[in-house]
């Protein structure tokens, strides 16, 4: 599972290290996190808050391509669960430019949107 979180930066942080997240109306940074099925962190990456979730995920995976290169091809594909803020086709195309064999090792799945009744519960 992959997600990101926009958080306020300290007042001592430099202007170059923070941005403005439109969706959260927050000046600060964005933390991108990939966790395994048991909830343990696999990868982390920090960006300015104005960087989109897609770009942050792509950069995080680019930094950790060795993890995917070392995965044998005969193992089942790793399913990466994304929320609806991500665009899986764009992410896949960008990652394939850097490492074409990644299409045989991972697949993206968008999590379903909860219904109104599920949200109320």
PDB file of N, CA and C in Angstrom:
ATOM      1  N   UNK A   1       0.842  -1.163   0.000  1.00  0.00           N
ATOM      2  CA  UNK A   1       0.000   0.000   0.000  1.00  0.00           C
ATOM      3  C   UNK A   1       0.893   1.234   0.000  1.00  0.00           C
ATOM      4  N   UNK A   2       0.482   2.242  -0.765  1.00  0.00           N
ATOM      5  CA  UNK A   2       1.246   3.473  -0.896  1.00  0.00           C
ATOM      6  C   UNK A   2       0.314   4.644  -0.616  1.00  0.00           C
ATOM      7  N   UNK A   3       0.809   5.623   0.117  1.00  0.00           N
ATOM      8  CA  UNK A   3       0.038   6.842   0.343  1.00  0.00           C
ATOM      9  C   UNK A   3       0.996   7.968   0.693  1.00  0.00           C
ATOM     10  N   UNK A   4       0.456   9.179   0.740  1.00  0.00           N
ATOM     11  CA  UNK A   4       1.271  10.330   1.104  1.00  0.00           C
ATOM     12  C   UNK A   4       0.501  11.189   2.088  1.00  0.00           C
ATOM     13  N   UNK A   5       1.247  12.048   2.789  1.00  0.00           N
ATOM     14  CA  UNK A   5       0.664  12.900   3.807  1.00  0.00           C
ATOM     15  C   UNK A   5       1.360  14.255   3.746  1.00  0.00           C
ATOM     16  N   UNK A   6       0.580  15.320   3.597  1.00  0.00           N
ATOM     17  CA  UNK A   6       1.126  16.670   3.621  1.00  0.00           C
ATOM     18  C   UNK A   6       1.096  17.163   5.062  1.00  0.00           C
ATOM     19  N   UNK A   7       2.231  17.653   5.543  1.00  0.00           N
ATOM     20  CA  UNK A   7       2.330  18.122   6.924  1.00  0.00           C
ATOM     21  C   UNK A   7       3.016  19.483   6.953  1.00  0.00           C
ATOM     22  N   UNK A   8       2.696  20.260   7.994  1.00  0.00           N
ATOM     23  CA  UNK A   8       3.330  21.561   8.164  1.00  0.00           C
ATOM     24  C   UNK A   8       4.783  21.367   8.548  1.00  0.00           C
ATOM     25  N   UNK A   9       5.609  22.244   8.038  1.00  0.00           N
ATOM     26  CA  UNK A   9       7.032  22.249   8.357  1.00  0.00           C
ATOM     27  C   UNK A   9       7.271  23.208   9.517  1.00  0.00           C
ATOM     28  N   UNK A  10       8.387  23.098  10.146  1.00  0.00           N
ATOM     29  CA  UNK A  10       8.697  24.024  11.242  1.00  0.00           C
ATOM     30  C   UNK A  10       8.929  25.425  10.695  1.00  0.00           C
ATOM     31  N   UNK A  11       8.790  26.396  11.551  1.00  0.00           N
ATOM     32  CA  UNK A  11       8.999  27.777  11.114  1.00  0.00           C
ATOM     33  C   UNK A  11      10.464  28.044  10.797  1.00  0.00           C
ATOM     34  N   UNK A  12      11.364  27.180  11.256  1.00  0.00           N
ATOM     35  CA  UNK A  12      12.786  27.352  10.996  1.00  0.00           C
ATOM     36  C   UNK A  12      13.232  26.749   9.667  1.00  0.00           C
ATOM     37  N   UNK A  13      12.335  26.041   9.003  1.00  0.00           N
ATOM     38  CA  UNK A  13      12.692  25.403   7.732  1.00  0.00           C
ATOM     39  C   UNK A  13      12.879  26.462   6.652  1.00  0.00           C
ATOM     40  N   UNK A  14      13.772  26.186   5.736  1.00  0.00           N
ATOM     41  CA  UNK A  14      14.026  27.136   4.654  1.00  0.00           C
ATOM     42  C   UNK A  14      12.869  27.144   3.665  1.00  0.00           C
ATOM     43  N   UNK A  15      12.734  28.233   2.952  1.00  0.00           N
ATOM     44  CA  UNK A  15      11.666  28.372   1.965  1.00  0.00           C
ATOM     45  C   UNK A  15      11.825  27.357   0.829  1.00  0.00           C
ATOM     46  N   UNK A  16      13.069  26.968   0.530  1.00  0.00           N
ATOM     47  CA  UNK A  16      13.320  26.019  -0.562  1.00  0.00           C
ATOM     48  C   UNK A  16      12.837  24.610  -0.216  1.00  0.00           C
ATOM     49  N   UNK A  17      12.698  24.298   1.061  1.00  0.00           N
ATOM     50  CA  UNK A  17      12.363  22.931   1.451  1.00  0.00           C
ATOM     51  C   UNK A  17      10.869  22.695   1.603  1.00  0.00           C
ATOM     52  N   UNK A  18      10.051  23.737   1.476  1.00  0.00           N
ATOM     53  CA  UNK A  18       8.617  23.513   1.634  1.00  0.00           C
ATOM     54  C   UNK A  18       7.830  24.075   0.469  1.00  0.00           C
ATOM     55  N   UNK A  19       6.623  23.547   0.287  1.00  0.00           N
ATOM     56  CA  UNK A  19       5.734  23.979  -0.780  1.00  0.00           C
ATOM     57  C   UNK A  19       4.323  24.087  -0.233  1.00  0.00           C
ATOM     58  N   UNK A  20       3.348  24.323  -1.111  1.00  0.00           N
ATOM     59  CA  UNK A  20       1.962  24.477  -0.698  1.00  0.00           C
ATOM     60  C   UNK A  20       1.129  23.360  -1.297  1.00  0.00           C
ATOM     61  N   UNK A  21       0.486  22.577  -0.450  1.00  0.00           N
ATOM     62  CA  UNK A  21      -0.411  21.508  -0.898  1.00  0.00           C
ATOM     63  C   UNK A  21      -1.803  22.095  -1.065  1.00  0.00           C
ATOM     64  N   UNK A  22      -2.307  22.104  -2.281  1.00  0.00           N
ATOM     65  CA  UNK A  22      -3.608  22.688  -2.585  1.00  0.00           C
ATOM     66  C   UNK A  22      -4.736  21.934  -1.876  1.00  0.00           C
ATOM     67  N   UNK A  23      -4.680  20.607  -1.862  1.00  0.00           N
ATOM     68  CA  UNK A  23      -5.769  19.804  -1.312  1.00  0.00           C
ATOM     69  C   UNK A  23      -5.889  19.942   0.206  1.00  0.00           C
ATOM     70  N   UNK A  24      -4.773  20.075   0.896  1.00  0.00           N
ATOM     71  CA  UNK A  24      -4.787  20.186   2.356  1.00  0.00           C
ATOM     72  C   UNK A  24      -4.627  21.627   2.833  1.00  0.00           C
ATOM     73  N   UNK A  25      -4.396  22.558   1.905  1.00  0.00           N
ATOM     74  CA  UNK A  25      -4.147  23.960   2.241  1.00  0.00           C
ATOM     75  C   UNK A  25      -3.050  24.065   3.303  1.00  0.00           C
ATOM     76  N   UNK A  26      -1.941  23.384   3.040  1.00  0.00           N
ATOM     77  CA  UNK A  26      -0.846  23.299   3.992  1.00  0.00           C
ATOM     78  C   UNK A  26       0.457  23.727   3.342  1.00  0.00           C
ATOM     79  N   UNK A  27       1.201  24.579   4.034  1.00  0.00           N
ATOM     80  CA  UNK A  27       2.571  24.915   3.635  1.00  0.00           C
ATOM     81  C   UNK A  27       3.479  23.938   4.357  1.00  0.00           C
ATOM     82  N   UNK A  28       4.290  23.200   3.634  1.00  0.00           N
ATOM     83  CA  UNK A  28       5.197  22.274   4.298  1.00  0.00           C
ATOM     84  C   UNK A  28       5.769  21.239   3.373  1.00  0.00           C
ATOM     85  N   UNK A  29       5.812  20.008   3.861  1.00  0.00           N
ATOM     86  CA  UNK A  29       6.393  18.897   3.120  1.00  0.00           C
ATOM     87  C   UNK A  29       5.344  17.812   2.925  1.00  0.00           C
ATOM     88  N   UNK A  30       5.666  16.877   2.047  1.00  0.00           N
ATOM     89  CA  UNK A  30       4.802  15.721   1.829  1.00  0.00           C
ATOM     90  C   UNK A  30       5.638  14.474   2.051  1.00  0.00           C
ATOM     91  N   UNK A  31       5.119  13.572   2.898  1.00  0.00           N
ATOM     92  CA  UNK A  31       5.789  12.309   3.179  1.00  0.00           C
ATOM     93  C   UNK A  31       5.100  11.217   2.366  1.00  0.00           C
ATOM     94  N   UNK A  32       5.876  10.512   1.579  1.00  0.00           N
ATOM     95  CA  UNK A  32       5.376   9.396   0.773  1.00  0.00           C
ATOM     96  C   UNK A  32       5.842   8.117   1.460  1.00  0.00           C
ATOM     97  N   UNK A  33       4.939   7.153   1.599  1.00  0.00           N
ATOM     98  CA  UNK A  33       5.247   5.945   2.351  1.00  0.00           C
ATOM     99  C   UNK A  33       4.660   4.724   1.656  1.00  0.00           C
ATOM    100  N   UNK A  34       5.477   3.692   1.524  1.00  0.00           N
ATOM    101  CA  UNK A  34       5.019   2.397   1.022  1.00  0.00           C
ATOM    102  C   UNK A  34       5.177   1.400   2.155  1.00  0.00           C
ATOM    103  N   UNK A  35       4.088   0.679   2.468  1.00  0.00           N
ATOM    104  CA  UNK A  35       4.127  -0.314   3.535  1.00  0.00           C
ATOM    105  C   UNK A  35       3.746  -1.674   2.973  1.00  0.00           C
ATOM    106  N   UNK A  36       4.212  -2.731   3.642  1.00  0.00           N
ATOM    107  CA  UNK A  36       3.871  -4.093   3.258  1.00  0.00           C
ATOM    108  C   UNK A  36       2.514  -4.496   3.813  1.00  0.00           C
ATOM    109  N   UNK A  37       2.105  -5.729   3.543  1.00  0.00           N
ATOM    110  CA  UNK A  37       0.784  -6.203   3.967  1.00  0.00           C
ATOM    111  C   UNK A  37       0.645  -6.280   5.482  1.00  0.00           C
ATOM    112  N   UNK A  38       1.755  -6.326   6.210  1.00  0.00           N
ATOM    113  CA  UNK A  38       1.699  -6.344   7.667  1.00  0.00           C
ATOM    114  C   UNK A  38       1.820  -4.946   8.269  1.00  0.00           C
ATOM    115  N   UNK A  39       1.977  -3.934   7.423  1.00  0.00           N
ATOM    116  CA  UNK A  39       2.039  -2.560   7.886  1.00  0.00           C
ATOM    117  C   UNK A  39       3.434  -2.039   8.168  1.00  0.00           C
ATOM    118  N   UNK A  40       4.448  -2.855   7.909  1.00  0.00           N
ATOM    119  CA  UNK A  40       5.820  -2.408   8.130  1.00  0.00           C
ATOM    120  C   UNK A  40       6.289  -1.549   6.949  1.00  0.00           C
ATOM    121  N   UNK A  41       6.981  -0.436   7.220  1.00  0.00           N
ATOM    122  CA  UNK A  41       7.436   0.432   6.127  1.00  0.00           C
ATOM    123  C   UNK A  41       8.451  -0.262   5.225  1.00  0.00           C
ATOM    124  N   UNK A  42       8.274  -0.079   3.923  1.00  0.00           N
ATOM    125  CA  UNK A  42       9.231  -0.590   2.934  1.00  0.00           C
ATOM    126  C   UNK A  42      10.091   0.550   2.390  1.00  0.00           C
ATOM    127  N   UNK A  43       9.426   1.632   1.938  1.00  0.00           N
ATOM    128  CA  UNK A  43      10.121   2.767   1.358  1.00  0.00           C
ATOM    129  C   UNK A  43       9.516   4.056   1.904  1.00  0.00           C
ATOM    130  N   UNK A  44      10.346   5.091   2.022  1.00  0.00           N
ATOM    131  CA  UNK A  44       9.865   6.423   2.378  1.00  0.00           C
ATOM    132  C   UNK A  44      10.545   7.439   1.476  1.00  0.00           C
ATOM    133  N   UNK A  45       9.899   8.587   1.320  1.00  0.00           N
ATOM    134  CA  UNK A  45      10.444   9.646   0.488  1.00  0.00           C
ATOM    135  C   UNK A  45       9.767  10.955   0.899  1.00  0.00           C
ATOM    136  N   UNK A  46      10.513  12.028   1.012  1.00  0.00           N
ATOM    137  CA  UNK A  46       9.969  13.345   1.368  1.00  0.00           C
ATOM    138  C   UNK A  46      10.155  14.320   0.209  1.00  0.00           C
ATOM    139  N   UNK A  47       9.120  15.118  -0.041  1.00  0.00           N
ATOM    140  CA  UNK A  47       9.169  16.135  -1.083  1.00  0.00           C
ATOM    141  C   UNK A  47       8.545  17.409  -0.539  1.00  0.00           C
ATOM    142  N   UNK A  48       8.588  18.462  -1.342  1.00  0.00           N
ATOM    143  CA  UNK A  48       7.813  19.656  -1.028  1.00  0.00           C
ATOM    144  C   UNK A  48       6.333  19.284  -1.106  1.00  0.00           C
ATOM    145  N   UNK A  49       5.492  19.998  -0.393  1.00  0.00           N
ATOM    146  CA  UNK A  49       4.067  19.662  -0.357  1.00  0.00           C
ATOM    147  C   UNK A  49       3.378  19.853  -1.701  1.00  0.00           C
ATOM    148  N   UNK A  50       3.930  20.685  -2.583  1.00  0.00           N
ATOM    149  CA  UNK A  50       3.279  20.924  -3.873  1.00  0.00           C
ATOM    150  C   UNK A  50       3.561  19.840  -4.910  1.00  0.00           C
ATOM    151  N   UNK A  51       4.402  18.863  -4.605  1.00  0.00           N
ATOM    152  CA  UNK A  51       4.688  17.752  -5.524  1.00  0.00           C
ATOM    153  C   UNK A  51       3.501  16.784  -5.495  1.00  0.00           C
ATOM    154  N   UNK A  52       3.051  16.363  -6.663  1.00  0.00           N
ATOM    155  CA  UNK A  52       1.882  15.482  -6.722  1.00  0.00           C
ATOM    156  C   UNK A  52       2.213  14.094  -6.162  1.00  0.00           C
ATOM    157  N   UNK A  53       1.164  13.378  -5.782  1.00  0.00           N
ATOM    158  CA  UNK A  53       1.335  12.018  -5.263  1.00  0.00           C
ATOM    159  C   UNK A  53       2.006  11.121  -6.300  1.00  0.00           C
ATOM    160  N   UNK A  54       1.613  11.264  -7.566  1.00  0.00           N
ATOM    161  CA  UNK A  54       2.186  10.440  -8.636  1.00  0.00           C
ATOM    162  C   UNK A  54       3.692  10.650  -8.755  1.00  0.00           C
ATOM    163  N   UNK A  55       4.110  11.899  -8.793  1.00  0.00           N
ATOM    164  CA  UNK A  55       5.535  12.213  -8.958  1.00  0.00           C
ATOM    165  C   UNK A  55       6.328  11.718  -7.753  1.00  0.00           C
ATOM    166  N   UNK A  56       5.782  11.898  -6.555  1.00  0.00           N
ATOM    167  CA  UNK A  56       6.456  11.419  -5.358  1.00  0.00           C
ATOM    168  C   UNK A  56       6.616   9.908  -5.359  1.00  0.00           C
ATOM    169  N   UNK A  57       5.571   9.189  -5.783  1.00  0.00           N
ATOM    170  CA  UNK A  57       5.638   7.722  -5.856  1.00  0.00           C
ATOM    171  C   UNK A  57       6.663   7.273  -6.886  1.00  0.00           C
ATOM    172  N   UNK A  58       6.678   7.915  -8.038  1.00  0.00           N
ATOM    173  CA  UNK A  58       7.636   7.561  -9.097  1.00  0.00           C
ATOM    174  C   UNK A  58       9.068   7.766  -8.606  1.00  0.00           C
ATOM    175  N   UNK A  59       9.322   8.898  -7.976  1.00  0.00           N
ATOM    176  CA  UNK A  59      10.669   9.174  -7.475  1.00  0.00           C
ATOM    177  C   UNK A  59      11.060   8.199  -6.364  1.00  0.00           C
ATOM    178  N   UNK A  60      10.115   7.867  -5.492  1.00  0.00           N
ATOM    179  CA  UNK A  60      10.397   6.918  -4.416  1.00  0.00           C
ATOM    180  C   UNK A  60      10.767   5.546  -5.002  1.00  0.00           C
ATOM    181  N   UNK A  61      10.019   5.089  -5.996  1.00  0.00           N
ATOM    182  CA  UNK A  61      10.319   3.792  -6.613  1.00  0.00           C
ATOM    183  C   UNK A  61      11.628   3.837  -7.398  1.00  0.00           C
ATOM    184  N   UNK A  62      11.931   4.967  -8.045  1.00  0.00           N
ATOM    185  CA  UNK A  62      13.194   5.080  -8.774  1.00  0.00           C
ATOM    186  C   UNK A  62      14.385   4.920  -7.830  1.00  0.00           C
ATOM    187  N   UNK A  63      14.256   5.467  -6.624  1.00  0.00           N
ATOM    188  CA  UNK A  63      15.336   5.346  -5.647  1.00  0.00           C
ATOM    189  C   UNK A  63      15.497   3.915  -5.137  1.00  0.00           C
ATOM    190  N   UNK A  64      14.455   3.113  -5.249  1.00  0.00           N
ATOM    191  CA  UNK A  64      14.488   1.747  -4.715  1.00  0.00           C
ATOM    192  C   UNK A  64      14.306   0.696  -5.812  1.00  0.00           C
ATOM    193  N   UNK A  65      14.787   0.988  -7.019  1.00  0.00           N
ATOM    194  CA  UNK A  65      14.635   0.041  -8.126  1.00  0.00           C
ATOM    195  C   UNK A  65      15.375  -1.271  -7.877  1.00  0.00           C
ATOM    196  N   UNK A  66      16.427  -1.252  -7.081  1.00  0.00           N
ATOM    197  CA  UNK A  66      17.154  -2.493  -6.798  1.00  0.00           C
ATOM    198  C   UNK A  66      16.256  -3.524  -6.128  1.00  0.00           C
ATOM    199  N   UNK A  67      15.305  -3.067  -5.333  1.00  0.00           N
ATOM    200  CA  UNK A  67      14.347  -3.979  -4.688  1.00  0.00           C
ATOM    201  C   UNK A  67      13.583  -4.765  -5.747  1.00  0.00           C
ATOM    202  N   UNK A  68      13.164  -4.083  -6.816  1.00  0.00           N
ATOM    203  CA  UNK A  68      12.398  -4.742  -7.880  1.00  0.00           C
ATOM    204  C   UNK A  68      13.305  -5.515  -8.833  1.00  0.00           C
ATOM    205  N   UNK A  69      14.509  -5.029  -9.064  1.00  0.00           N
ATOM    206  CA  UNK A  69      15.451  -5.751  -9.929  1.00  0.00           C
ATOM    207  C   UNK A  69      15.828  -7.102  -9.322  1.00  0.00           C
ATOM    208  N   UNK A  70      15.952  -7.157  -8.005  1.00  0.00           N
ATOM    209  CA  UNK A  70      16.358  -8.388  -7.327  1.00  0.00           C
ATOM    210  C   UNK A  70      15.234  -9.401  -7.200  1.00  0.00           C
ATOM    211  N   UNK A  71      13.999  -8.997  -7.470  1.00  0.00           N
ATOM    212  CA  UNK A  71      12.868  -9.914  -7.350  1.00  0.00           C
ATOM    213  C   UNK A  71      12.856 -10.867  -8.550  1.00  0.00           C
ATOM    214  N   UNK A  72      12.853 -12.183  -8.294  1.00  0.00           N
ATOM    215  CA  UNK A  72      12.840 -13.145  -9.411  1.00  0.00           C
ATOM    216  C   UNK A  72      11.562 -13.035 -10.245  1.00  0.00           C
ATOM    217  N   UNK A  73      11.692 -13.294 -11.543  1.00  0.00           N
ATOM    218  CA  UNK A  73      10.540 -13.212 -12.444  1.00  0.00           C
ATOM    219  C   UNK A  73       9.517 -14.319 -12.214  1.00  0.00           C
ATOM    220  N   UNK A  74       9.946 -15.455 -11.641  1.00  0.00           N
ATOM    221  CA  UNK A  74       9.007 -16.554 -11.450  1.00  0.00           C
ATOM    222  C   UNK A  74       8.112 -16.367 -10.217  1.00  0.00           C
ATOM    223  N   UNK A  75       8.323 -15.307  -9.449  1.00  0.00           N
ATOM    224  CA  UNK A  75       7.452 -15.013  -8.307  1.00  0.00           C
ATOM    225  C   UNK A  75       6.222 -14.258  -8.797  1.00  0.00           C
ATOM    226  N   UNK A  76       5.090 -14.375  -8.077  1.00  0.00           N
ATOM    227  CA  UNK A  76       3.899 -13.613  -8.481  1.00  0.00           C
ATOM    228  C   UNK A  76       4.160 -12.109  -8.427  1.00  0.00           C
ATOM    229  N   UNK A  77       3.409 -11.376  -9.234  1.00  0.00           N
ATOM    230  CA  UNK A  77       3.554  -9.926  -9.255  1.00  0.00           C
ATOM    231  C   UNK A  77       3.194  -9.340  -7.892  1.00  0.00           C
ATOM    232  N   UNK A  78       3.886  -8.286  -7.528  1.00  0.00           N
ATOM    233  CA  UNK A  78       3.561  -7.542  -6.319  1.00  0.00           C
ATOM    234  C   UNK A  78       2.418  -6.594  -6.645  1.00  0.00           C
ATOM    235  N   UNK A  79       1.331  -6.656  -5.873  1.00  0.00           N
ATOM    236  CA  UNK A  79       0.200  -5.761  -6.073  1.00  0.00           C
ATOM    237  C   UNK A  79       0.373  -4.549  -5.179  1.00  0.00           C
ATOM    238  N   UNK A  80       0.327  -3.374  -5.775  1.00  0.00           N
ATOM    239  CA  UNK A  80       0.475  -2.128  -5.047  1.00  0.00           C
ATOM    240  C   UNK A  80      -0.891  -1.455  -5.014  1.00  0.00           C
ATOM    241  N   UNK A  81      -1.421  -1.315  -3.796  1.00  0.00           N
ATOM    242  CA  UNK A  81      -2.738  -0.719  -3.605  1.00  0.00           C
ATOM    243  C   UNK A  81      -2.603   0.798  -3.517  1.00  0.00           C
ATOM    244  N   UNK A  82      -3.377   1.503  -4.349  1.00  0.00           N
ATOM    245  CA  UNK A  82      -3.338   2.962  -4.420  1.00  0.00           C
ATOM    246  C   UNK A  82      -4.714   3.529  -4.112  1.00  0.00           C
ATOM    247  N   UNK A  83      -4.754   4.728  -3.542  1.00  0.00           N
ATOM    248  CA  UNK A  83      -6.050   5.385  -3.395  1.00  0.00           C
ATOM    249  C   UNK A  83      -6.364   6.122  -4.698  1.00  0.00           C
ATOM    250  N   UNK A  84      -7.506   6.787  -4.730  1.00  0.00           N
ATOM    251  CA  UNK A  84      -7.952   7.400  -5.980  1.00  0.00           C
ATOM    252  C   UNK A  84      -7.250   8.710  -6.318  1.00  0.00           C
ATOM    253  N   UNK A  85      -6.254   9.110  -5.534  1.00  0.00           N
ATOM    254  CA  UNK A  85      -5.460  10.285  -5.852  1.00  0.00           C
ATOM    255  C   UNK A  85      -4.325   9.983  -6.815  1.00  0.00           C
ATOM    256  N   UNK A  86      -4.130   8.708  -7.122  1.00  0.00           N
ATOM    257  CA  UNK A  86      -3.038   8.289  -8.004  1.00  0.00           C
ATOM    258  C   UNK A  86      -3.582   7.917  -9.384  1.00  0.00           C
ATOM    259  N   UNK A  87      -2.712   7.973 -10.375  1.00  0.00           N
ATOM    260  CA  UNK A  87      -3.055   7.614 -11.757  1.00  0.00           C
ATOM    261  C   UNK A  87      -2.122   6.472 -12.172  1.00  0.00           C
ATOM    262  N   UNK A  88      -2.604   5.254 -12.048  1.00  0.00           N
ATOM    263  CA  UNK A  88      -1.753   4.072 -12.208  1.00  0.00           C
ATOM    264  C   UNK A  88      -1.126   3.959 -13.594  1.00  0.00           C
ATOM    265  N   UNK A  89      -1.830   4.337 -14.643  1.00  0.00           N
ATOM    266  CA  UNK A  89      -1.262   4.230 -15.991  1.00  0.00           C
ATOM    267  C   UNK A  89      -0.073   5.173 -16.167  1.00  0.00           C
ATOM    268  N   UNK A  90      -0.201   6.380 -15.658  1.00  0.00           N
ATOM    269  CA  UNK A  90       0.908   7.354 -15.744  1.00  0.00           C
ATOM    270  C   UNK A  90       2.117   6.828 -14.970  1.00  0.00           C
ATOM    271  N   UNK A  91       1.884   6.310 -13.782  1.00  0.00           N
ATOM    272  CA  UNK A  91       2.969   5.785 -12.955  1.00  0.00           C
ATOM    273  C   UNK A  91       3.657   4.624 -13.658  1.00  0.00           C
ATOM    274  N   UNK A  92       2.872   3.709 -14.199  1.00  0.00           N
ATOM    275  CA  UNK A  92       3.423   2.538 -14.891  1.00  0.00           C
ATOM    276  C   UNK A  92       4.294   2.961 -16.069  1.00  0.00           C
ATOM    277  N   UNK A  93       3.817   3.900 -16.882  1.00  0.00           N
ATOM    278  CA  UNK A  93       4.579   4.356 -18.049  1.00  0.00           C
ATOM    279  C   UNK A  93       5.906   4.989 -17.643  1.00  0.00           C
ATOM    280  N   UNK A  94       5.879   5.812 -16.601  1.00  0.00           N
ATOM    281  CA  UNK A  94       7.106   6.471 -16.153  1.00  0.00           C
ATOM    282  C   UNK A  94       8.114   5.466 -15.598  1.00  0.00           C
ATOM    283  N   UNK A  95       7.639   4.483 -14.846  1.00  0.00           N
ATOM    284  CA  UNK A  95       8.546   3.479 -14.294  1.00  0.00           C
ATOM    285  C   UNK A  95       9.113   2.574 -15.381  1.00  0.00           C
ATOM    286  N   UNK A  96       8.321   2.277 -16.403  1.00  0.00           N
ATOM    287  CA  UNK A  96       8.800   1.431 -17.502  1.00  0.00           C
ATOM    288  C   UNK A  96       9.874   2.140 -18.334  1.00  0.00           C
ATOM    289  N   UNK A  97       9.879   3.471 -18.352  1.00  0.00           N
ATOM    290  CA  UNK A  97      10.936   4.205 -19.053  1.00  0.00           C
ATOM    291  C   UNK A  97      12.286   3.965 -18.384  1.00  0.00           C
ATOM    292  N   UNK A  98      12.271   3.827 -17.069  1.00  0.00           N
ATOM    293  CA  UNK A  98      13.507   3.647 -16.315  1.00  0.00           C
ATOM    294  C   UNK A  98      13.894   2.176 -16.237  1.00  0.00           C
ATOM    295  N   UNK A  99      12.898   1.308 -16.034  1.00  0.00           N
ATOM    296  CA  UNK A  99      13.149  -0.130 -15.868  1.00  0.00           C
ATOM    297  C   UNK A  99      12.010  -0.906 -16.531  1.00  0.00           C
ATOM    298  N   UNK A 100      12.140  -1.248 -17.829  1.00  0.00           N
ATOM    299  CA  UNK A 100      11.047  -1.877 -18.574  1.00  0.00           C
ATOM    300  C   UNK A 100      10.536  -3.192 -17.979  1.00  0.00           C
ATOM    301  N   UNK A 101      11.396  -3.975 -17.318  1.00  0.00           N
ATOM    302  CA  UNK A 101      10.972  -5.264 -16.773  1.00  0.00           C
ATOM    303  C   UNK A 101      10.069  -5.134 -15.557  1.00  0.00           C
ATOM    304  N   UNK A 102       9.886  -3.924 -15.072  1.00  0.00           N
ATOM    305  CA  UNK A 102       9.050  -3.744 -13.883  1.00  0.00           C
ATOM    306  C   UNK A 102       7.594  -4.137 -14.156  1.00  0.00           C
ATOM    307  N   UNK A 103       7.174  -4.081 -15.424  1.00  0.00           N
ATOM    308  CA  UNK A 103       5.792  -4.465 -15.765  1.00  0.00           C
ATOM    309  C   UNK A 103       5.522  -5.938 -15.474  1.00  0.00           C
ATOM    310  N   UNK A 104       6.585  -6.759 -15.432  1.00  0.00           N
ATOM    311  CA  UNK A 104       6.425  -8.180 -15.123  1.00  0.00           C
ATOM    312  C   UNK A 104       6.504  -8.457 -13.620  1.00  0.00           C
ATOM    313  N   UNK A 105       6.799  -7.428 -12.827  1.00  0.00           N
ATOM    314  CA  UNK A 105       7.015  -7.639 -11.406  1.00  0.00           C
ATOM    315  C   UNK A 105       6.000  -6.964 -10.502  1.00  0.00           C
ATOM    316  N   UNK A 106       5.355  -5.892 -10.978  1.00  0.00           N
ATOM    317  CA  UNK A 106       4.363  -5.210 -10.144  1.00  0.00           C
ATOM    318  C   UNK A 106       3.087  -4.955 -10.928  1.00  0.00           C
ATOM    319  N   UNK A 107       2.003  -4.793 -10.194  1.00  0.00           N
ATOM    320  CA  UNK A 107       0.737  -4.369 -10.781  1.00  0.00           C
ATOM    321  C   UNK A 107       0.086  -3.395  -9.800  1.00  0.00           C
ATOM    322  N   UNK A 108      -0.665  -2.457 -10.328  1.00  0.00           N
ATOM    323  CA  UNK A 108      -1.321  -1.456  -9.497  1.00  0.00           C
ATOM    324  C   UNK A 108      -2.802  -1.763  -9.405  1.00  0.00           C
ATOM    325  N   UNK A 109      -3.352  -1.504  -8.231  1.00  0.00           N
ATOM    326  CA  UNK A 109      -4.781  -1.704  -8.016  1.00  0.00           C
ATOM    327  C   UNK A 109      -5.301  -0.493  -7.248  1.00  0.00           C
ATOM    328  N   UNK A 110      -6.352   0.143  -7.789  1.00  0.00           N
ATOM    329  CA  UNK A 110      -6.962   1.267  -7.097  1.00  0.00           C
ATOM    330  C   UNK A 110      -7.936   0.737  -6.055  1.00  0.00           C
ATOM    331  N   UNK A 111      -7.863   1.290  -4.854  1.00  0.00           N
ATOM    332  CA  UNK A 111      -8.797   0.855  -3.811  1.00  0.00           C
ATOM    333  C   UNK A 111     -10.188   1.387  -4.138  1.00  0.00           C
ATOM    334  N   UNK A 112     -11.221   0.612  -3.839  1.00  0.00           N
ATOM    335  CA  UNK A 112     -12.580   1.064  -4.147  1.00  0.00           C
ATOM    336  C   UNK A 112     -12.981   2.230  -3.246  1.00  0.00           C
ATOM    337  N   UNK A 113     -13.789   3.127  -3.795  1.00  0.00           N
ATOM    338  CA  UNK A 113     -14.284   4.244  -2.999  1.00  0.00           C
ATOM    339  C   UNK A 113     -15.373   3.721  -2.059  1.00  0.00           C
ATOM    340  N   UNK A 114     -15.357   4.150  -0.795  1.00  0.00           N
ATOM    341  CA  UNK A 114     -16.402   3.694   0.127  1.00  0.00           C
ATOM    342  C   UNK A 114     -17.752   4.319  -0.222  1.00  0.00           C
ATOM    343  N   UNK A 115     -18.818   3.567   0.012  1.00  0.00           N
ATOM    344  CA  UNK A 115     -20.159   4.088  -0.238  1.00  0.00           C
ATOM    345  C   UNK A 115     -20.537   5.069   0.873  1.00  0.00           C
ATOM    346  N   UNK A 116     -21.643   5.787   0.680  1.00  0.00           N
ATOM    347  CA  UNK A 116     -22.094   6.735   1.703  1.00  0.00           C
ATOM    348  C   UNK A 116     -22.403   6.031   3.012  1.00  0.00           C
ATOM    349  N   UNK A 117     -22.988   4.825   2.920  1.00  0.00           N
ATOM    350  CA  UNK A 117     -23.307   4.073   4.145  1.00  0.00           C
ATOM    351  C   UNK A 117     -22.027   3.639   4.868  1.00  0.00           C
ATOM    352  N   UNK A 118     -21.012   3.240   4.114  1.00  0.00           N
ATOM    353  CA  UNK A 118     -19.749   2.864   4.733  1.00  0.00           C
ATOM    354  C   UNK A 118     -19.082   4.047   5.402  1.00  0.00           C
ATOM    355  N   UNK A 119     -19.197   5.224   4.788  1.00  0.00           N
ATOM    356  CA  UNK A 119     -18.609   6.418   5.390  1.00  0.00           C
ATOM    357  C   UNK A 119     -19.328   6.782   6.687  1.00  0.00           C
ATOM    358  N   UNK A 120     -20.657   6.648   6.705  1.00  0.00           N
ATOM    359  CA  UNK A 120     -21.420   6.973   7.911  1.00  0.00           C
ATOM    360  C   UNK A 120     -21.096   6.014   9.055  1.00  0.00           C
ATOM    361  N   UNK A 121     -20.846   4.748   8.711  1.00  0.00           N
ATOM    362  CA  UNK A 121     -20.545   3.758   9.744  1.00  0.00           C
ATOM    363  C   UNK A 121     -19.178   4.024  10.297  1.00  0.00           C
TER     364      UNK A 121
END
